[in-house]
Amino acid sequence: MIEDSGAAEVLNDLKAYFTNRPFFVSDVVGNKEDNRLQYVDLAQQGGGVWGIALIGATYILEVMGIRFFVLAGTSAGAVSMMS
């Protein structure tokens, strides 16, 4: 479960860090129910077990309000996008 993975703790730390700071990683910003979502392209490279970490990293980005126009990857990076 995601709660047991440590991702919740990382999310809480990121949310606390950006509480009084702007969190902009893209110049393309949209609204969805008053949550400002940012849109970026994402490319991930492979590396066997890194595929698991890439799934977690993609999840964290989505929870933080980042959505993807294009997803690209090789090897485990490509497989992690199919999750």
PDB file of N, CA and C in Angstrom:
ATOM      1  N   MET A   1       0.830  -1.185   0.000  1.00  0.00           N
ATOM      2  CA  MET A   1       0.000   0.000   0.000  1.00  0.00           C
ATOM      3  C   MET A   1       0.871   1.243   0.000  1.00  0.00           C
ATOM      4  N   ILE A   2       0.304   2.301  -0.548  1.00  0.00           N
ATOM      5  CA  ILE A   2       1.068   3.537  -0.655  1.00  0.00           C
ATOM      6  C   ILE A   2       1.386   4.106   0.727  1.00  0.00           C
ATOM      7  N   GLU A   3       0.515   3.890   1.702  1.00  0.00           N
ATOM      8  CA  GLU A   3       0.759   4.402   3.047  1.00  0.00           C
ATOM      9  C   GLU A   3       1.989   3.751   3.680  1.00  0.00           C
ATOM     10  N   ASP A   4       2.242   2.498   3.333  1.00  0.00           N
ATOM     11  CA  ASP A   4       3.369   1.774   3.905  1.00  0.00           C
ATOM     12  C   ASP A   4       4.680   2.026   3.168  1.00  0.00           C
ATOM     13  N   SER A   5       4.617   2.708   2.031  1.00  0.00           N
ATOM     14  CA  SER A   5       5.799   2.873   1.196  1.00  0.00           C
ATOM     15  C   SER A   5       6.682   4.046   1.609  1.00  0.00           C
ATOM     16  N   GLY A   6       6.162   4.924   2.414  1.00  0.00           N
ATOM     17  CA  GLY A   6       6.907   6.133   2.769  1.00  0.00           C
ATOM     18  C   GLY A   6       6.539   7.314   1.894  1.00  0.00           C
ATOM     19  N   ALA A   7       5.720   7.096   0.864  1.00  0.00           N
ATOM     20  CA  ALA A   7       5.333   8.178  -0.040  1.00  0.00           C
ATOM     21  C   ALA A   7       4.514   9.238   0.683  1.00  0.00           C
ATOM     22  N   ALA A   8       3.672   8.831   1.612  1.00  0.00           N
ATOM     23  CA  ALA A   8       2.850   9.795   2.354  1.00  0.00           C
ATOM     24  C   ALA A   8       3.736  10.762   3.137  1.00  0.00           C
ATOM     25  N   GLU A   9       4.805  10.244   3.718  1.00  0.00           N
ATOM     26  CA  GLU A   9       5.727  11.099   4.466  1.00  0.00           C
ATOM     27  C   GLU A   9       6.430  12.087   3.541  1.00  0.00           C
ATOM     28  N   VAL A  10       6.840  11.616   2.372  1.00  0.00           N
ATOM     29  CA  VAL A  10       7.482  12.503   1.391  1.00  0.00           C
ATOM     30  C   VAL A  10       6.512  13.593   0.959  1.00  0.00           C
ATOM     31  N   LEU A  11       5.262  13.218   0.698  1.00  0.00           N
ATOM     32  CA  LEU A  11       4.257  14.205   0.316  1.00  0.00           C
ATOM     33  C   LEU A  11       4.044  15.247   1.405  1.00  0.00           C
ATOM     34  N   ASN A  12       3.953  14.810   2.632  1.00  0.00           N
ATOM     35  CA  ASN A  12       3.777  15.757   3.736  1.00  0.00           C
ATOM     36  C   ASN A  12       4.958  16.714   3.841  1.00  0.00           C
ATOM     37  N   ASP A  13       6.168  16.194   3.657  1.00  0.00           N
ATOM     38  CA  ASP A  13       7.357  17.051   3.695  1.00  0.00           C
ATOM     39  C   ASP A  13       7.338  18.073   2.563  1.00  0.00           C
ATOM     40  N   LEU A  14       6.976  17.623   1.361  1.00  0.00           N
ATOM     41  CA  LEU A  14       6.914  18.540   0.217  1.00  0.00           C
ATOM     42  C   LEU A  14       5.843  19.597   0.412  1.00  0.00           C
ATOM     43  N   LYS A  15       4.677  19.195   0.892  1.00  0.00           N
ATOM     44  CA  LYS A  15       3.602  20.156   1.122  1.00  0.00           C
ATOM     45  C   LYS A  15       4.006  21.178   2.176  1.00  0.00           C
ATOM     46  N   ALA A  16       4.686  20.736   3.225  1.00  0.00           N
ATOM     47  CA  ALA A  16       5.154  21.658   4.260  1.00  0.00           C
ATOM     48  C   ALA A  16       6.201  22.616   3.695  1.00  0.00           C
ATOM     49  N   TYR A  17       7.103  22.102   2.877  1.00  0.00           N
ATOM     50  CA  TYR A  17       8.156  22.936   2.296  1.00  0.00           C
ATOM     51  C   TYR A  17       7.570  24.024   1.402  1.00  0.00           C
ATOM     52  N   PHE A  18       6.535  23.675   0.638  1.00  0.00           N
ATOM     53  CA  PHE A  18       5.959  24.620  -0.311  1.00  0.00           C
ATOM     54  C   PHE A  18       4.751  25.370   0.234  1.00  0.00           C
ATOM     55  N   THR A  19       4.523  25.319   1.540  1.00  0.00           N
ATOM     56  CA  THR A  19       3.382  26.009   2.119  1.00  0.00           C
ATOM     57  C   THR A  19       3.437  27.509   1.860  1.00  0.00           C
ATOM     58  N   ASN A  20       4.578  28.114   2.062  1.00  0.00           N
ATOM     59  CA  ASN A  20       4.715  29.564   1.870  1.00  0.00           C
ATOM     60  C   ASN A  20       5.623  29.914   0.699  1.00  0.00           C
ATOM     61  N   ARG A  21       5.820  28.963  -0.209  1.00  0.00           N
ATOM     62  CA  ARG A  21       6.664  29.188  -1.385  1.00  0.00           C
ATOM     63  C   ARG A  21       5.860  28.857  -2.635  1.00  0.00           C
ATOM     64  N   PRO A  22       6.139  29.527  -3.719  1.00  0.00           N
ATOM     65  CA  PRO A  22       5.447  29.162  -4.960  1.00  0.00           C
ATOM     66  C   PRO A  22       5.949  27.810  -5.459  1.00  0.00           C
ATOM     67  N   PHE A  23       5.040  26.988  -5.924  1.00  0.00           N
ATOM     68  CA  PHE A  23       5.390  25.673  -6.467  1.00  0.00           C
ATOM     69  C   PHE A  23       5.050  25.660  -7.946  1.00  0.00           C
ATOM     70  N   PHE A  24       5.925  26.244  -8.749  1.00  0.00           N
ATOM     71  CA  PHE A  24       5.724  26.277 -10.189  1.00  0.00           C
ATOM     72  C   PHE A  24       6.876  25.579 -10.875  1.00  0.00           C
ATOM     73  N   VAL A  25       6.560  24.576 -11.651  1.00  0.00           N
ATOM     74  CA  VAL A  25       7.561  23.870 -12.440  1.00  0.00           C
ATOM     75  C   VAL A  25       7.264  23.985 -13.922  1.00  0.00           C
ATOM     76  N   SER A  26       6.170  24.654 -14.259  1.00  0.00           N
ATOM     77  CA  SER A  26       5.727  24.748 -15.640  1.00  0.00           C
ATOM     78  C   SER A  26       5.101  26.108 -15.879  1.00  0.00           C
ATOM     79  N   ASP A  27       5.154  26.567 -17.135  1.00  0.00           N
ATOM     80  CA  ASP A  27       4.455  27.797 -17.470  1.00  0.00           C
ATOM     81  C   ASP A  27       3.067  27.498 -18.037  1.00  0.00           C
ATOM     82  N   VAL A  28       2.675  26.220 -18.061  1.00  0.00           N
ATOM     83  CA  VAL A  28       1.342  25.826 -18.496  1.00  0.00           C
ATOM     84  C   VAL A  28       0.562  25.383 -17.253  1.00  0.00           C
ATOM     85  N   VAL A  29      -0.379  26.224 -16.844  1.00  0.00           N
ATOM     86  CA  VAL A  29      -1.131  25.969 -15.619  1.00  0.00           C
ATOM     87  C   VAL A  29      -2.614  25.992 -15.943  1.00  0.00           C
ATOM     88  N   GLY A  30      -3.332  25.018 -15.425  1.00  0.00           N
ATOM     89  CA  GLY A  30      -4.777  24.958 -15.635  1.00  0.00           C
ATOM     90  C   GLY A  30      -5.496  24.789 -14.315  1.00  0.00           C
ATOM     91  N   ASN A  31      -6.795  24.945 -14.338  1.00  0.00           N
ATOM     92  CA  ASN A  31      -7.612  24.774 -13.139  1.00  0.00           C
ATOM     93  C   ASN A  31      -8.421  23.499 -13.228  1.00  0.00           C
ATOM     94  N   LYS A  32      -8.585  22.839 -12.138  1.00  0.00           N
ATOM     95  CA  LYS A  32      -9.498  21.712 -12.013  1.00  0.00           C
ATOM     96  C   LYS A  32     -10.041  21.769 -10.595  1.00  0.00           C
ATOM     97  N   GLU A  33     -11.283  22.224 -10.475  1.00  0.00           N
ATOM     98  CA  GLU A  33     -11.929  22.345  -9.170  1.00  0.00           C
ATOM     99  C   GLU A  33     -11.084  23.177  -8.209  1.00  0.00           C
ATOM    100  N   ASP A  34     -10.633  24.324  -8.674  1.00  0.00           N
ATOM    101  CA  ASP A  34      -9.847  25.276  -7.877  1.00  0.00           C
ATOM    102  C   ASP A  34      -8.459  24.782  -7.500  1.00  0.00           C
ATOM    103  N   ASN A  35      -8.035  23.623  -7.988  1.00  0.00           N
ATOM    104  CA  ASN A  35      -6.651  23.182  -7.789  1.00  0.00           C
ATOM    105  C   ASN A  35      -5.884  23.519  -9.045  1.00  0.00           C
ATOM    106  N   ARG A  36      -4.814  24.252  -8.888  1.00  0.00           N
ATOM    107  CA  ARG A  36      -4.029  24.643 -10.068  1.00  0.00           C
ATOM    108  C   ARG A  36      -3.107  23.489 -10.440  1.00  0.00           C
ATOM    109  N   LEU A  37      -3.366  22.909 -11.594  1.00  0.00           N
ATOM    110  CA  LEU A  37      -2.552  21.810 -12.098  1.00  0.00           C
ATOM    111  C   LEU A  37      -1.551  22.345 -13.101  1.00  0.00           C
ATOM    112  N   GLN A  38      -0.333  21.835 -13.035  1.00  0.00           N
ATOM    113  CA  GLN A  38       0.709  22.220 -13.973  1.00  0.00           C
ATOM    114  C   GLN A  38       0.959  21.069 -14.930  1.00  0.00           C
ATOM    115  N   TYR A  39       1.268  21.397 -16.171  1.00  0.00           N
ATOM    116  CA  TYR A  39       1.441  20.380 -17.198  1.00  0.00           C
ATOM    117  C   TYR A  39       2.865  20.401 -17.738  1.00  0.00           C
ATOM    118  N   VAL A  40       3.478  19.226 -17.822  1.00  0.00           N
ATOM    119  CA  VAL A  40       4.850  19.091 -18.301  1.00  0.00           C
ATOM    120  C   VAL A  40       4.960  17.834 -19.160  1.00  0.00           C
ATOM    121  N   ASP A  41       6.069  17.686 -19.859  1.00  0.00           N
ATOM    122  CA  ASP A  41       6.426  16.440 -20.534  1.00  0.00           C
ATOM    123  C   ASP A  41       7.334  15.659 -19.583  1.00  0.00           C
ATOM    124  N   LEU A  42       7.250  14.321 -19.629  1.00  0.00           N
ATOM    125  CA  LEU A  42       8.066  13.496 -18.744  1.00  0.00           C
ATOM    126  C   LEU A  42       8.767  12.415 -19.547  1.00  0.00           C
ATOM    127  N   ALA A  43      10.079  12.339 -19.409  1.00  0.00           N
ATOM    128  CA  ALA A  43      10.871  11.276 -20.032  1.00  0.00           C
ATOM    129  C   ALA A  43      11.619  10.533 -18.928  1.00  0.00           C
ATOM    130  N   GLN A  44      11.535   9.203 -18.969  1.00  0.00           N
ATOM    131  CA  GLN A  44      12.186   8.374 -17.954  1.00  0.00           C
ATOM    132  C   GLN A  44      13.060   7.339 -18.653  1.00  0.00           C
ATOM    133  N   GLN A  45      14.234   7.115 -18.099  1.00  0.00           N
ATOM    134  CA  GLN A  45      15.103   6.091 -18.672  1.00  0.00           C
ATOM    135  C   GLN A  45      14.977   4.815 -17.866  1.00  0.00           C
ATOM    136  N   GLY A  46      15.474   3.753 -18.419  1.00  0.00           N
ATOM    137  CA  GLY A  46      15.335   2.445 -17.790  1.00  0.00           C
ATOM    138  C   GLY A  46      16.368   2.186 -16.716  1.00  0.00           C
ATOM    139  N   GLY A  47      16.438   0.936 -16.305  1.00  0.00           N
ATOM    140  CA  GLY A  47      17.411   0.566 -15.304  1.00  0.00           C
ATOM    141  C   GLY A  47      16.917  -0.507 -14.356  1.00  0.00           C
ATOM    142  N   GLY A  48      16.176  -1.470 -14.865  1.00  0.00           N
ATOM    143  CA  GLY A  48      15.753  -2.599 -14.044  1.00  0.00           C
ATOM    144  C   GLY A  48      14.877  -2.201 -12.880  1.00  0.00           C
ATOM    145  N   VAL A  49      15.402  -2.330 -11.681  1.00  0.00           N
ATOM    146  CA  VAL A  49      14.627  -2.055 -10.473  1.00  0.00           C
ATOM    147  C   VAL A  49      14.247  -0.585 -10.350  1.00  0.00           C
ATOM    148  N   TRP A  50      14.892   0.287 -11.105  1.00  0.00           N
ATOM    149  CA  TRP A  50      14.541   1.703 -11.094  1.00  0.00           C
ATOM    150  C   TRP A  50      13.086   1.915 -11.524  1.00  0.00           C
ATOM    151  N   GLY A  51      12.539   0.952 -12.262  1.00  0.00           N
ATOM    152  CA  GLY A  51      11.144   1.070 -12.695  1.00  0.00           C
ATOM    153  C   GLY A  51      10.204   1.263 -11.524  1.00  0.00           C
ATOM    154  N   ILE A  52      10.456   0.584 -10.416  1.00  0.00           N
ATOM    155  CA  ILE A  52       9.621   0.736  -9.223  1.00  0.00           C
ATOM    156  C   ILE A  52       9.744   2.156  -8.668  1.00  0.00           C
ATOM    157  N   ALA A  53      10.945   2.672  -8.607  1.00  0.00           N
ATOM    158  CA  ALA A  53      11.153   4.040  -8.114  1.00  0.00           C
ATOM    159  C   ALA A  53      10.500   5.054  -9.043  1.00  0.00           C
ATOM    160  N   LEU A  54      10.535   4.793 -10.344  1.00  0.00           N
ATOM    161  CA  LEU A  54       9.936   5.716 -11.300  1.00  0.00           C
ATOM    162  C   LEU A  54       8.417   5.766 -11.146  1.00  0.00           C
ATOM    163  N   ILE A  55       7.807   4.638 -10.824  1.00  0.00           N
ATOM    164  CA  ILE A  55       6.363   4.622 -10.571  1.00  0.00           C
ATOM    165  C   ILE A  55       6.060   5.521  -9.372  1.00  0.00           C
ATOM    166  N   GLY A  56       6.838   5.387  -8.321  1.00  0.00           N
ATOM    167  CA  GLY A  56       6.637   6.211  -7.134  1.00  0.00           C
ATOM    168  C   GLY A  56       6.858   7.691  -7.410  1.00  0.00           C
ATOM    169  N   ALA A  57       7.884   8.002  -8.171  1.00  0.00           N
ATOM    170  CA  ALA A  57       8.171   9.400  -8.495  1.00  0.00           C
ATOM    171  C   ALA A  57       7.045  10.008  -9.322  1.00  0.00           C
ATOM    172  N   THR A  58       6.518   9.249 -10.277  1.00  0.00           N
ATOM    173  CA  THR A  58       5.407   9.731 -11.101  1.00  0.00           C
ATOM    174  C   THR A  58       4.175   9.961 -10.236  1.00  0.00           C
ATOM    175  N   TYR A  59       3.926   9.061  -9.304  1.00  0.00           N
ATOM    176  CA  TYR A  59       2.787   9.203  -8.388  1.00  0.00           C
ATOM    177  C   TYR A  59       2.916  10.482  -7.566  1.00  0.00           C
ATOM    178  N   ILE A  60       4.090  10.719  -7.001  1.00  0.00           N
ATOM    179  CA  ILE A  60       4.312  11.914  -6.182  1.00  0.00           C
ATOM    180  C   ILE A  60       4.069  13.177  -7.007  1.00  0.00           C
ATOM    181  N   LEU A  61       4.571  13.209  -8.237  1.00  0.00           N
ATOM    182  CA  LEU A  61       4.359  14.378  -9.094  1.00  0.00           C
ATOM    183  C   LEU A  61       2.877  14.622  -9.341  1.00  0.00           C
ATOM    184  N   GLU A  62       2.123  13.554  -9.615  1.00  0.00           N
ATOM    185  CA  GLU A  62       0.693  13.712  -9.867  1.00  0.00           C
ATOM    186  C   GLU A  62      -0.048  14.207  -8.630  1.00  0.00           C
ATOM    187  N   VAL A  63       0.301  13.691  -7.474  1.00  0.00           N
ATOM    188  CA  VAL A  63      -0.351  14.135  -6.239  1.00  0.00           C
ATOM    189  C   VAL A  63      -0.039  15.604  -5.960  1.00  0.00           C
ATOM    190  N   MET A  64       1.156  16.056  -6.347  1.00  0.00           N
ATOM    191  CA  MET A  64       1.549  17.445  -6.139  1.00  0.00           C
ATOM    192  C   MET A  64       0.916  18.387  -7.162  1.00  0.00           C
ATOM    193  N   GLY A  65       0.113  17.852  -8.101  1.00  0.00           N
ATOM    194  CA  GLY A  65      -0.603  18.703  -9.046  1.00  0.00           C
ATOM    195  C   GLY A  65       0.046  18.832 -10.398  1.00  0.00           C
ATOM    196  N   ILE A  66       0.991  17.961 -10.713  1.00  0.00           N
ATOM    197  CA  ILE A  66       1.649  18.002 -12.015  1.00  0.00           C
ATOM    198  C   ILE A  66       1.024  16.927 -12.896  1.00  0.00           C
ATOM    199  N   ARG A  67       0.581  17.326 -14.088  1.00  0.00           N
ATOM    200  CA  ARG A  67       0.013  16.401 -15.064  1.00  0.00           C
ATOM    201  C   ARG A  67       0.922  16.393 -16.286  1.00  0.00           C
ATOM    202  N   PHE A  68       0.797  15.379 -17.107  1.00  0.00           N
ATOM    203  CA  PHE A  68       1.743  15.168 -18.198  1.00  0.00           C
ATOM    204  C   PHE A  68       1.078  15.277 -19.560  1.00  0.00           C
ATOM    205  N   PHE A  69       1.687  16.081 -20.441  1.00  0.00           N
ATOM    206  CA  PHE A  69       1.274  16.135 -21.839  1.00  0.00           C
ATOM    207  C   PHE A  69       1.743  14.870 -22.537  1.00  0.00           C
ATOM    208  N   VAL A  70       3.033  14.585 -22.402  1.00  0.00           N
ATOM    209  CA  VAL A  70       3.659  13.450 -23.084  1.00  0.00           C
ATOM    210  C   VAL A  70       4.475  12.659 -22.066  1.00  0.00           C
ATOM    211  N   LEU A  71       4.347  11.344 -22.123  1.00  0.00           N
ATOM    212  CA  LEU A  71       5.173  10.452 -21.312  1.00  0.00           C
ATOM    213  C   LEU A  71       6.024   9.628 -22.270  1.00  0.00           C
ATOM    214  N   ALA A  72       7.317   9.545 -22.009  1.00  0.00           N
ATOM    215  CA  ALA A  72       8.210   8.754 -22.843  1.00  0.00           C
ATOM    216  C   ALA A  72       9.190   8.025 -21.943  1.00  0.00           C
ATOM    217  N   GLY A  73       9.641   6.861 -22.376  1.00  0.00           N
ATOM    218  CA  GLY A  73      10.592   6.131 -21.566  1.00  0.00           C
ATOM    219  C   GLY A  73      11.217   4.976 -22.314  1.00  0.00           C
ATOM    220  N   THR A  74      12.302   4.472 -21.750  1.00  0.00           N
ATOM    221  CA  THR A  74      12.966   3.296 -22.292  1.00  0.00           C
ATOM    222  C   THR A  74      13.050   2.248 -21.198  1.00  0.00           C
ATOM    223  N   SER A  75      13.008   0.998 -21.597  1.00  0.00           N
ATOM    224  CA  SER A  75      13.177  -0.124 -20.677  1.00  0.00           C
ATOM    225  C   SER A  75      12.228   0.001 -19.494  1.00  0.00           C
ATOM    226  N   ALA A  76      12.738  -0.039 -18.270  1.00  0.00           N
ATOM    227  CA  ALA A  76      11.891   0.051 -17.084  1.00  0.00           C
ATOM    228  C   ALA A  76      11.182   1.406 -16.995  1.00  0.00           C
ATOM    229  N   GLY A  77      11.760   2.431 -17.566  1.00  0.00           N
ATOM    230  CA  GLY A  77      11.115   3.740 -17.603  1.00  0.00           C
ATOM    231  C   GLY A  77       9.841   3.711 -18.419  1.00  0.00           C
ATOM    232  N   ALA A  78       9.847   2.952 -19.499  1.00  0.00           N
ATOM    233  CA  ALA A  78       8.647   2.811 -20.316  1.00  0.00           C
ATOM    234  C   ALA A  78       7.616   1.937 -19.620  1.00  0.00           C
ATOM    235  N   VAL A  79       8.058   0.870 -18.981  1.00  0.00           N
ATOM    236  CA  VAL A  79       7.155  -0.035 -18.294  1.00  0.00           C
ATOM    237  C   VAL A  79       6.460   0.673 -17.135  1.00  0.00           C
ATOM    238  N   SER A  80       7.164   1.556 -16.438  1.00  0.00           N
ATOM    239  CA  SER A  80       6.592   2.225 -15.276  1.00  0.00           C
ATOM    240  C   SER A  80       5.444   3.139 -15.682  1.00  0.00           C
ATOM    241  N   MET A  81       5.407   3.604 -16.918  1.00  0.00           N
ATOM    242  CA  MET A  81       4.337   4.482 -17.375  1.00  0.00           C
ATOM    243  C   MET A  81       3.059   3.724 -17.673  1.00  0.00           C
ATOM    244  N   MET A  82       3.152   2.410 -17.791  1.00  0.00           N
ATOM    245  CA  MET A  82       1.979   1.623 -18.102  1.00  0.00           C
ATOM    246  C   MET A  82       1.173   1.323 -16.850  1.00  0.00           C
ATOM    247  N   SER A  83       1.686   1.681 -15.687  1.00  0.00           N
ATOM    248  CA  SER A  83       1.011   1.380 -14.412  1.00  0.00           C
ATOM    249  C   SER A  83      -0.152   2.295 -14.195  1.00  0.00           C
TER     250      SER A  83
END
